[in-house]
Every structure is written in structure tokens, then in C-alpha cells.
Amino acid sequence: MANLEIKLTKSLFGRPKNQVDTAKSLGLTRPNRVVVKADSEQVRNMLKSISHLVEVKEA
């Protein structure tokens, strides 16, 4: 399976709780932090809700 490299590009300050919770569940806590996650349907759906806050690359 492919991996996704996910980078938080914007701050979570002032964002709705569901967006903050989604980012934290992916391991994104601070801007410019990068995590690598397995490419799965669950991760893709989480990224849809915070797509305006992250950059995603195939790793």
C-alpha cells in the first residue's frame, strides 16, 4: 500500500472542534508538522474535512 505524507499548513487555533479533533487524530498538532500515514479510505475521508488546512503528497 502507498503512504501519504501529510503536512499541516495552517494553525488549528480558532477552528471548529471537529476539525481540530480530526487533525489531532491524524497526529497533526502544530503547523509545518509532517506525518506519514498509510493510504486508506478512512484517512482519505478524514483529509476531506480538513483539506483546506493540509498539504498531501504521495510518499
N, C-alpha and C. Protein backbone atom coordinates (compact mmCIF):
# COMPACT_ATOMS: atom_id res chain seq x y z
N MET A 1 0.82 -1.19 0.00
CA MET A 1 0.00 0.00 0.00
C MET A 1 0.87 1.25 0.00
N ALA A 2 0.38 2.29 -0.64
CA ALA A 2 1.11 3.55 -0.68
C ALA A 2 0.96 4.30 0.63
N ASN A 3 1.86 5.21 0.85
CA ASN A 3 1.79 6.07 2.03
C ASN A 3 1.48 7.49 1.61
N LEU A 4 0.89 8.24 2.53
CA LEU A 4 0.61 9.65 2.31
C LEU A 4 1.44 10.47 3.28
N GLU A 5 2.08 11.50 2.77
CA GLU A 5 2.83 12.44 3.60
C GLU A 5 1.93 13.65 3.80
N ILE A 6 1.52 13.89 5.04
CA ILE A 6 0.54 14.93 5.35
C ILE A 6 1.21 16.02 6.16
N LYS A 7 1.08 17.27 5.69
CA LYS A 7 1.70 18.42 6.37
C LYS A 7 0.61 19.41 6.75
N LEU A 8 0.57 19.81 8.01
CA LEU A 8 -0.37 20.82 8.47
C LEU A 8 0.19 22.18 8.08
N THR A 9 -0.52 22.91 7.21
CA THR A 9 -0.01 24.18 6.70
C THR A 9 -0.58 25.39 7.42
N LYS A 10 -1.70 25.23 8.11
CA LYS A 10 -2.31 26.35 8.81
C LYS A 10 -2.57 25.96 10.26
N SER A 11 -2.67 26.97 11.11
CA SER A 11 -2.89 26.75 12.54
C SER A 11 -4.29 26.21 12.79
N LEU A 12 -4.42 25.47 13.88
CA LEU A 12 -5.72 24.95 14.30
C LEU A 12 -6.45 25.93 15.22
N PHE A 13 -5.80 27.02 15.58
CA PHE A 13 -6.39 27.99 16.50
C PHE A 13 -7.64 28.62 15.88
N GLY A 14 -8.73 28.59 16.62
CA GLY A 14 -9.97 29.19 16.15
C GLY A 14 -10.78 28.33 15.20
N ARG A 15 -10.33 27.12 14.95
CA ARG A 15 -11.04 26.21 14.05
C ARG A 15 -12.13 25.47 14.83
N PRO A 16 -13.16 24.99 14.14
CA PRO A 16 -14.20 24.20 14.81
C PRO A 16 -13.61 22.95 15.45
N LYS A 17 -14.23 22.51 16.53
CA LYS A 17 -13.72 21.38 17.31
C LYS A 17 -13.57 20.11 16.47
N ASN A 18 -14.50 19.87 15.53
CA ASN A 18 -14.39 18.66 14.73
C ASN A 18 -13.15 18.67 13.85
N GLN A 19 -12.75 19.85 13.34
CA GLN A 19 -11.53 19.94 12.53
C GLN A 19 -10.29 19.74 13.39
N VAL A 20 -10.28 20.31 14.58
CA VAL A 20 -9.15 20.15 15.50
C VAL A 20 -9.01 18.69 15.89
N ASP A 21 -10.12 18.04 16.22
CA ASP A 21 -10.09 16.63 16.62
C ASP A 21 -9.60 15.74 15.47
N THR A 22 -10.03 16.04 14.26
CA THR A 22 -9.60 15.26 13.10
C THR A 22 -8.09 15.40 12.89
N ALA A 23 -7.58 16.62 12.96
CA ALA A 23 -6.15 16.84 12.78
C ALA A 23 -5.34 16.13 13.86
N LYS A 24 -5.80 16.22 15.10
CA LYS A 24 -5.07 15.58 16.20
C LYS A 24 -5.11 14.06 16.08
N SER A 25 -6.21 13.51 15.59
CA SER A 25 -6.28 12.06 15.43
C SER A 25 -5.34 11.57 14.33
N LEU A 26 -4.99 12.46 13.41
CA LEU A 26 -4.00 12.12 12.38
C LEU A 26 -2.57 12.36 12.87
N GLY A 27 -2.42 12.94 14.06
CA GLY A 27 -1.10 13.20 14.61
C GLY A 27 -0.57 14.58 14.27
N LEU A 28 -1.42 15.46 13.78
CA LEU A 28 -1.01 16.82 13.41
C LEU A 28 -1.37 17.77 14.54
N THR A 29 -0.36 18.31 15.22
CA THR A 29 -0.63 19.17 16.37
C THR A 29 -0.15 20.60 16.17
N ARG A 30 0.84 20.81 15.32
CA ARG A 30 1.40 22.14 15.09
C ARG A 30 1.59 22.37 13.60
N PRO A 31 1.52 23.63 13.17
CA PRO A 31 1.78 23.92 11.75
C PRO A 31 3.17 23.45 11.32
N ASN A 32 3.28 23.04 10.10
CA ASN A 32 4.51 22.55 9.46
C ASN A 32 4.96 21.19 9.98
N ARG A 33 4.16 20.52 10.78
CA ARG A 33 4.47 19.16 11.19
C ARG A 33 4.07 18.21 10.06
N VAL A 34 4.88 17.19 9.85
CA VAL A 34 4.61 16.22 8.79
C VAL A 34 4.46 14.84 9.42
N VAL A 35 3.43 14.12 9.00
CA VAL A 35 3.25 12.74 9.42
C VAL A 35 3.08 11.88 8.17
N VAL A 36 3.42 10.62 8.30
CA VAL A 36 3.24 9.67 7.20
C VAL A 36 2.21 8.64 7.64
N LYS A 37 1.17 8.50 6.85
CA LYS A 37 0.09 7.57 7.15
C LYS A 37 -0.12 6.65 5.95
N ALA A 38 -0.58 5.44 6.23
CA ALA A 38 -0.92 4.52 5.15
C ALA A 38 -2.13 5.06 4.40
N ASP A 39 -2.11 4.91 3.09
CA ASP A 39 -3.22 5.39 2.26
C ASP A 39 -4.39 4.44 2.42
N SER A 40 -5.44 4.91 3.08
CA SER A 40 -6.64 4.10 3.27
C SER A 40 -7.87 4.98 3.11
N GLU A 41 -9.01 4.36 2.99
CA GLU A 41 -10.26 5.10 2.82
C GLU A 41 -10.55 5.96 4.04
N GLN A 42 -10.25 5.45 5.24
CA GLN A 42 -10.51 6.21 6.47
C GLN A 42 -9.67 7.48 6.52
N VAL A 43 -8.40 7.37 6.17
CA VAL A 43 -7.51 8.53 6.19
C VAL A 43 -7.93 9.53 5.12
N ARG A 44 -8.28 9.06 3.94
CA ARG A 44 -8.72 9.95 2.86
C ARG A 44 -9.97 10.73 3.27
N ASN A 45 -10.91 10.07 3.93
CA ASN A 45 -12.13 10.76 4.36
C ASN A 45 -11.84 11.78 5.46
N MET A 46 -10.89 11.49 6.34
CA MET A 46 -10.50 12.47 7.36
C MET A 46 -9.88 13.69 6.69
N LEU A 47 -9.08 13.46 5.67
CA LEU A 47 -8.41 14.56 4.98
C LEU A 47 -9.39 15.45 4.22
N LYS A 48 -10.51 14.90 3.79
CA LYS A 48 -11.51 15.71 3.09
C LYS A 48 -12.04 16.82 3.99
N SER A 49 -12.21 16.51 5.28
CA SER A 49 -12.79 17.50 6.19
C SER A 49 -11.81 18.60 6.58
N ILE A 50 -10.50 18.35 6.41
CA ILE A 50 -9.51 19.38 6.74
C ILE A 50 -8.60 19.69 5.54
N SER A 51 -9.12 19.50 4.34
CA SER A 51 -8.31 19.68 3.13
C SER A 51 -7.77 21.10 2.98
N HIS A 52 -8.46 22.08 3.54
CA HIS A 52 -8.03 23.47 3.45
C HIS A 52 -6.91 23.80 4.45
N LEU A 53 -6.57 22.85 5.32
CA LEU A 53 -5.54 23.07 6.34
C LEU A 53 -4.26 22.27 6.08
N VAL A 54 -4.29 21.34 5.13
CA VAL A 54 -3.17 20.42 4.94
C VAL A 54 -2.70 20.38 3.49
N GLU A 55 -1.46 19.89 3.33
CA GLU A 55 -0.92 19.52 2.02
C GLU A 55 -0.67 18.02 2.06
N VAL A 56 -1.02 17.33 0.99
CA VAL A 56 -0.87 15.88 0.95
C VAL A 56 -0.02 15.51 -0.25
N LYS A 57 0.98 14.64 -0.01
CA LYS A 57 1.83 14.12 -1.08
C LYS A 57 1.87 12.60 -0.97
N GLU A 58 2.03 11.96 -2.11
CA GLU A 58 2.26 10.52 -2.11
C GLU A 58 3.70 10.28 -1.67
N ALA A 59 3.88 9.37 -0.74
CA ALA A 59 5.24 9.10 -0.24
C ALA A 59 5.66 7.69 -0.59
